[in-house]
């Protein structure tokens, strides 16, 4: 399974409301077609940045303009390529700006290579 981290430009509550609208009657995690598992992770109560290199966090901070304390984590099932599904979900989540990153999707790439910004 691979993971994409999305750091939306809006407030956390707005992101939760958007996920609830587009993926109704589910949460913890939200799922898309049984292939994407979507949850919110944070530094205070979760594991966000726990296995990130400090350099990668610094690059993310530069891309976002501040130190984000939460992110949408999208886990992609190994049963599918997932590129189209991930891009569709990222477009929804970054509707009001932000960045997304992972280590596998060439058009996303780790932030040290490039962040997808909107």
N, C-alpha and C. Protein backbone atom coordinates (compact mmCIF):
# COMPACT_ATOMS: atom_id res chain seq x y z
N UNK A 1 0.84 -1.16 0.00
CA UNK A 1 0.00 0.00 0.00
C UNK A 1 0.89 1.23 0.00
N UNK A 2 0.50 2.21 -0.80
CA UNK A 2 1.26 3.46 -0.79
C UNK A 2 0.40 4.56 -0.19
N UNK A 3 1.06 5.62 0.26
CA UNK A 3 0.36 6.69 0.96
C UNK A 3 0.67 8.03 0.32
N UNK A 4 -0.36 8.84 0.18
CA UNK A 4 -0.25 10.22 -0.28
C UNK A 4 -0.68 11.10 0.88
N UNK A 5 0.08 12.17 1.12
CA UNK A 5 -0.30 13.15 2.13
C UNK A 5 -0.75 14.41 1.42
N UNK A 6 -1.92 14.91 1.83
CA UNK A 6 -2.47 16.13 1.26
C UNK A 6 -2.60 17.15 2.38
N UNK A 7 -2.09 18.34 2.11
CA UNK A 7 -2.13 19.44 3.07
C UNK A 7 -3.01 20.54 2.48
N UNK A 8 -4.34 20.45 2.67
CA UNK A 8 -5.25 21.43 2.07
C UNK A 8 -5.02 22.83 2.62
N UNK A 9 -5.33 23.83 1.79
CA UNK A 9 -5.14 25.21 2.18
C UNK A 9 -6.19 25.72 3.15
N UNK A 10 -7.32 25.07 3.24
CA UNK A 10 -8.39 25.53 4.12
C UNK A 10 -8.28 24.98 5.53
N UNK A 11 -9.33 25.20 6.27
CA UNK A 11 -9.41 24.71 7.65
C UNK A 11 -9.74 23.22 7.68
N UNK A 12 -9.35 22.56 8.74
CA UNK A 12 -9.61 21.13 8.91
C UNK A 12 -11.11 20.84 8.85
N UNK A 13 -11.93 21.65 9.52
CA UNK A 13 -13.38 21.43 9.54
C UNK A 13 -13.97 21.50 8.13
N UNK A 14 -13.45 22.41 7.30
CA UNK A 14 -13.91 22.52 5.90
C UNK A 14 -13.57 21.25 5.13
N UNK A 15 -12.39 20.71 5.37
CA UNK A 15 -11.97 19.49 4.68
C UNK A 15 -12.84 18.31 5.10
N UNK A 16 -13.10 18.19 6.39
CA UNK A 16 -13.97 17.12 6.89
C UNK A 16 -15.35 17.25 6.27
N UNK A 17 -15.89 18.45 6.23
CA UNK A 17 -17.22 18.66 5.64
C UNK A 17 -17.23 18.29 4.16
N UNK A 18 -16.18 18.63 3.45
CA UNK A 18 -16.09 18.28 2.03
C UNK A 18 -16.03 16.78 1.83
N UNK A 19 -15.22 16.10 2.63
CA UNK A 19 -15.16 14.63 2.55
C UNK A 19 -16.50 14.01 2.89
N UNK A 20 -17.17 14.54 3.90
CA UNK A 20 -18.50 14.02 4.27
C UNK A 20 -19.50 14.21 3.12
N UNK A 21 -19.41 15.35 2.42
CA UNK A 21 -20.33 15.60 1.29
C UNK A 21 -20.06 14.66 0.13
N UNK A 22 -18.78 14.47 -0.20
CA UNK A 22 -18.43 13.67 -1.37
C UNK A 22 -18.37 12.17 -1.11
N UNK A 23 -18.17 11.80 0.12
CA UNK A 23 -18.12 10.37 0.50
C UNK A 23 -19.05 10.18 1.70
N UNK A 24 -20.36 10.29 1.46
CA UNK A 24 -21.33 10.31 2.57
C UNK A 24 -21.45 8.99 3.32
N UNK A 25 -21.94 9.13 4.55
CA UNK A 25 -22.28 8.00 5.42
C UNK A 25 -21.07 7.10 5.73
N UNK A 26 -19.92 7.72 5.89
CA UNK A 26 -18.72 6.97 6.26
C UNK A 26 -17.72 7.93 6.89
N UNK A 27 -16.81 7.41 7.62
CA UNK A 27 -15.70 8.18 8.19
C UNK A 27 -14.86 7.23 9.01
N UNK A 28 -13.60 7.60 9.17
CA UNK A 28 -12.65 6.82 9.99
C UNK A 28 -12.46 5.41 9.48
N UNK A 29 -12.08 5.15 8.31
CA UNK A 29 -11.75 6.10 7.25
C UNK A 29 -12.93 6.30 6.29
N UNK A 30 -12.80 7.34 5.47
CA UNK A 30 -13.64 7.46 4.30
C UNK A 30 -13.02 6.53 3.26
N UNK A 31 -13.81 6.00 2.36
CA UNK A 31 -13.24 5.17 1.30
C UNK A 31 -13.79 5.61 -0.06
N UNK A 32 -12.98 5.44 -1.08
CA UNK A 32 -13.41 5.72 -2.44
C UNK A 32 -13.31 4.42 -3.22
N UNK A 33 -14.44 3.91 -3.61
CA UNK A 33 -14.51 2.68 -4.41
C UNK A 33 -13.81 1.49 -3.77
N UNK A 34 -13.64 1.51 -2.46
CA UNK A 34 -12.97 0.42 -1.77
C UNK A 34 -11.49 0.31 -2.08
N UNK A 35 -10.93 1.34 -2.73
CA UNK A 35 -9.53 1.31 -3.13
C UNK A 35 -8.67 2.40 -2.51
N UNK A 36 -9.31 3.50 -2.12
CA UNK A 36 -8.61 4.57 -1.42
C UNK A 36 -9.19 4.63 -0.02
N UNK A 37 -8.31 4.70 0.95
CA UNK A 37 -8.71 4.81 2.35
C UNK A 37 -8.22 6.16 2.84
N UNK A 38 -9.14 7.03 3.23
CA UNK A 38 -8.84 8.43 3.48
C UNK A 38 -9.12 8.75 4.94
N UNK A 39 -8.14 9.33 5.60
CA UNK A 39 -8.29 9.70 7.01
C UNK A 39 -7.51 10.98 7.25
N UNK A 40 -7.74 11.59 8.39
CA UNK A 40 -7.00 12.78 8.76
C UNK A 40 -6.05 12.40 9.89
N UNK A 41 -4.79 12.78 9.71
CA UNK A 41 -3.77 12.52 10.72
C UNK A 41 -3.25 13.86 11.21
N UNK A 42 -2.84 13.90 12.46
CA UNK A 42 -2.28 15.13 12.99
C UNK A 42 -1.09 14.83 13.89
N UNK A 43 -0.35 15.88 14.19
CA UNK A 43 0.85 15.72 15.02
C UNK A 43 0.51 15.46 16.48
N UNK A 44 -0.52 16.12 16.98
CA UNK A 44 -0.80 16.07 18.41
C UNK A 44 -1.33 14.71 18.86
N UNK A 45 -2.29 14.15 18.13
CA UNK A 45 -2.90 12.90 18.58
C UNK A 45 -2.59 11.72 17.66
N UNK A 46 -1.93 11.98 16.55
CA UNK A 46 -1.66 10.92 15.58
C UNK A 46 -0.19 10.71 15.37
N UNK A 47 0.15 10.37 14.13
CA UNK A 47 1.52 10.01 13.78
C UNK A 47 2.12 10.87 12.69
N UNK A 48 1.46 11.97 12.35
CA UNK A 48 1.94 12.81 11.27
C UNK A 48 3.38 13.24 11.53
N UNK A 49 4.22 13.08 10.56
CA UNK A 49 5.65 13.43 10.56
C UNK A 49 6.50 12.51 11.43
N UNK A 50 5.92 11.49 12.04
CA UNK A 50 6.71 10.64 12.94
C UNK A 50 7.84 9.90 12.22
N UNK A 51 7.67 9.62 10.94
CA UNK A 51 8.74 8.93 10.21
C UNK A 51 9.29 9.76 9.05
N UNK A 52 9.05 11.07 9.09
CA UNK A 52 9.57 11.97 8.07
C UNK A 52 10.96 12.45 8.45
N UNK A 53 11.82 12.64 7.46
CA UNK A 53 13.11 13.27 7.69
C UNK A 53 12.88 14.75 7.98
N UNK A 54 13.63 15.33 8.91
CA UNK A 54 13.48 16.76 9.20
C UNK A 54 13.63 17.64 7.95
N UNK A 55 14.50 17.24 7.03
CA UNK A 55 14.68 17.99 5.78
C UNK A 55 13.40 18.02 4.97
N UNK A 56 12.69 16.90 4.91
CA UNK A 56 11.44 16.84 4.16
C UNK A 56 10.36 17.70 4.81
N UNK A 57 10.33 17.73 6.15
CA UNK A 57 9.37 18.58 6.85
C UNK A 57 9.68 20.05 6.56
N UNK A 58 10.95 20.42 6.55
CA UNK A 58 11.34 21.80 6.27
C UNK A 58 10.96 22.21 4.85
N UNK A 59 11.13 21.31 3.90
CA UNK A 59 10.76 21.60 2.51
C UNK A 59 9.25 21.75 2.39
N UNK A 60 8.51 20.90 3.08
CA UNK A 60 7.05 21.02 3.10
C UNK A 60 6.64 22.36 3.69
N UNK A 61 7.25 22.74 4.81
CA UNK A 61 6.94 24.02 5.44
C UNK A 61 7.16 25.18 4.48
N UNK A 62 8.23 25.12 3.72
CA UNK A 62 8.52 26.17 2.73
C UNK A 62 7.45 26.19 1.64
N UNK A 63 7.01 25.01 1.20
CA UNK A 63 5.99 24.93 0.15
C UNK A 63 4.63 25.43 0.64
N UNK A 64 4.30 25.12 1.90
CA UNK A 64 3.00 25.50 2.46
C UNK A 64 3.03 26.93 3.00
N UNK A 65 4.17 27.36 3.49
CA UNK A 65 4.30 28.68 4.07
C UNK A 65 4.15 28.70 5.58
N UNK A 66 4.00 27.53 6.17
CA UNK A 66 3.91 27.39 7.63
C UNK A 66 4.08 25.91 7.97
N UNK A 67 4.14 25.62 9.26
CA UNK A 67 4.25 24.22 9.69
C UNK A 67 2.83 23.66 9.85
N UNK A 68 2.41 22.77 8.93
CA UNK A 68 1.07 22.20 9.06
C UNK A 68 1.00 21.22 10.24
N UNK A 69 -0.12 21.22 10.93
CA UNK A 69 -0.28 20.33 12.09
C UNK A 69 -1.19 19.15 11.78
N UNK A 70 -1.79 19.13 10.59
CA UNK A 70 -2.67 18.03 10.20
C UNK A 70 -2.58 17.83 8.69
N UNK A 71 -2.97 16.65 8.25
CA UNK A 71 -2.98 16.32 6.82
C UNK A 71 -4.03 15.28 6.55
N UNK A 72 -4.46 15.23 5.31
CA UNK A 72 -5.31 14.12 4.85
C UNK A 72 -4.35 13.05 4.36
N UNK A 73 -4.51 11.86 4.88
CA UNK A 73 -3.69 10.73 4.47
C UNK A 73 -4.55 9.82 3.60
N UNK A 74 -4.06 9.56 2.40
CA UNK A 74 -4.76 8.68 1.47
C UNK A 74 -3.91 7.44 1.27
N UNK A 75 -4.41 6.30 1.69
CA UNK A 75 -3.74 5.03 1.46
C UNK A 75 -4.37 4.38 0.23
N UNK A 76 -3.53 3.97 -0.71
CA UNK A 76 -3.99 3.39 -1.97
C UNK A 76 -3.77 1.89 -1.93
N UNK A 77 -4.82 1.15 -2.17
CA UNK A 77 -4.75 -0.30 -2.19
C UNK A 77 -3.73 -0.76 -3.22
N UNK A 78 -2.98 -1.79 -2.88
CA UNK A 78 -2.04 -2.38 -3.82
C UNK A 78 -2.70 -3.13 -4.95
N UNK A 79 -4.03 -3.29 -4.89
CA UNK A 79 -4.77 -4.01 -5.92
C UNK A 79 -4.94 -3.19 -7.20
N UNK A 80 -4.72 -1.86 -7.11
CA UNK A 80 -4.94 -0.99 -8.26
C UNK A 80 -3.75 -0.06 -8.43
N UNK A 81 -3.63 0.53 -9.62
CA UNK A 81 -2.62 1.56 -9.84
C UNK A 81 -2.97 2.79 -9.00
N UNK A 82 -4.22 3.23 -9.06
CA UNK A 82 -4.71 4.30 -8.21
C UNK A 82 -4.41 5.71 -8.65
N UNK A 83 -3.63 5.89 -9.70
CA UNK A 83 -3.23 7.24 -10.10
C UNK A 83 -4.43 8.12 -10.41
N UNK A 84 -5.36 7.64 -11.21
CA UNK A 84 -6.53 8.45 -11.58
C UNK A 84 -7.37 8.77 -10.35
N UNK A 85 -7.57 7.78 -9.49
CA UNK A 85 -8.38 7.98 -8.29
C UNK A 85 -7.73 8.99 -7.35
N UNK A 86 -6.41 8.88 -7.19
CA UNK A 86 -5.68 9.80 -6.31
C UNK A 86 -5.75 11.22 -6.86
N UNK A 87 -5.55 11.36 -8.15
CA UNK A 87 -5.61 12.70 -8.75
C UNK A 87 -7.00 13.31 -8.58
N UNK A 88 -8.03 12.52 -8.73
CA UNK A 88 -9.40 13.01 -8.54
C UNK A 88 -9.60 13.48 -7.10
N UNK A 89 -9.13 12.71 -6.12
CA UNK A 89 -9.29 13.06 -4.72
C UNK A 89 -8.44 14.28 -4.37
N UNK A 90 -7.23 14.36 -4.89
CA UNK A 90 -6.37 15.51 -4.62
C UNK A 90 -6.99 16.78 -5.19
N UNK A 91 -7.55 16.71 -6.38
CA UNK A 91 -8.20 17.89 -6.96
C UNK A 91 -9.32 18.39 -6.05
N UNK A 92 -10.08 17.48 -5.48
CA UNK A 92 -11.14 17.86 -4.55
C UNK A 92 -10.56 18.50 -3.30
N UNK A 93 -9.54 17.88 -2.73
CA UNK A 93 -8.98 18.35 -1.46
C UNK A 93 -8.19 19.65 -1.60
N UNK A 94 -7.62 19.89 -2.78
CA UNK A 94 -6.83 21.10 -2.98
C UNK A 94 -7.61 22.19 -3.72
N UNK A 95 -8.91 22.08 -3.69
CA UNK A 95 -9.77 23.06 -4.37
C UNK A 95 -9.47 24.49 -3.92
N UNK A 96 -9.09 24.66 -2.66
CA UNK A 96 -8.80 25.99 -2.11
C UNK A 96 -7.32 26.18 -1.82
N UNK A 97 -6.46 25.44 -2.53
CA UNK A 97 -5.02 25.57 -2.36
C UNK A 97 -4.46 24.48 -1.47
N UNK A 98 -3.13 24.45 -1.40
CA UNK A 98 -2.44 23.46 -0.59
C UNK A 98 -1.45 22.68 -1.42
N UNK A 99 -0.90 21.62 -0.83
CA UNK A 99 0.06 20.77 -1.51
C UNK A 99 -0.23 19.31 -1.20
N UNK A 100 0.28 18.44 -2.07
CA UNK A 100 0.19 16.99 -1.86
C UNK A 100 1.54 16.39 -2.19
N UNK A 101 1.87 15.30 -1.52
CA UNK A 101 3.14 14.64 -1.78
C UNK A 101 3.07 13.15 -1.48
N UNK A 102 3.86 12.40 -2.22
CA UNK A 102 4.12 11.00 -1.91
C UNK A 102 5.46 10.63 -2.52
N UNK A 103 5.90 9.42 -2.29
CA UNK A 103 7.20 9.00 -2.81
C UNK A 103 7.12 8.21 -4.10
N UNK A 104 5.92 8.00 -4.64
CA UNK A 104 5.79 7.07 -5.75
C UNK A 104 5.19 7.67 -7.01
N UNK A 105 4.27 8.62 -6.88
CA UNK A 105 3.57 9.14 -8.04
C UNK A 105 4.46 10.17 -8.74
N UNK A 106 4.88 9.90 -9.97
CA UNK A 106 5.84 10.80 -10.63
C UNK A 106 5.37 12.26 -10.68
N UNK A 107 4.09 12.50 -10.86
CA UNK A 107 3.63 13.88 -10.96
C UNK A 107 3.45 14.54 -9.61
N UNK A 108 3.56 13.76 -8.52
CA UNK A 108 3.53 14.35 -7.19
C UNK A 108 4.96 14.43 -6.67
N UNK A 109 5.59 13.28 -6.51
CA UNK A 109 6.96 13.23 -6.03
C UNK A 109 7.07 13.73 -4.60
N UNK A 110 8.14 13.39 -3.93
CA UNK A 110 8.34 13.94 -2.60
C UNK A 110 8.53 15.44 -2.72
N UNK A 111 8.21 16.16 -1.67
CA UNK A 111 8.30 17.62 -1.71
C UNK A 111 9.69 18.09 -2.09
N UNK A 112 10.73 17.33 -1.75
CA UNK A 112 12.06 17.81 -2.10
C UNK A 112 12.24 17.83 -3.60
N UNK A 113 11.44 17.06 -4.33
CA UNK A 113 11.48 17.08 -5.79
C UNK A 113 10.43 18.05 -6.33
N UNK A 114 9.22 17.93 -5.85
CA UNK A 114 8.15 18.85 -6.26
C UNK A 114 6.90 18.53 -5.47
N UNK A 115 6.16 19.54 -5.16
CA UNK A 115 4.86 19.39 -4.54
C UNK A 115 3.80 19.83 -5.53
N UNK A 116 2.70 19.11 -5.56
CA UNK A 116 1.58 19.52 -6.40
C UNK A 116 0.89 20.65 -5.66
N UNK A 117 0.84 21.81 -6.24
CA UNK A 117 0.22 22.97 -5.60
C UNK A 117 -0.96 23.45 -6.45
N UNK A 118 -1.93 24.00 -5.76
CA UNK A 118 -3.07 24.61 -6.46
C UNK A 118 -3.37 25.93 -5.82
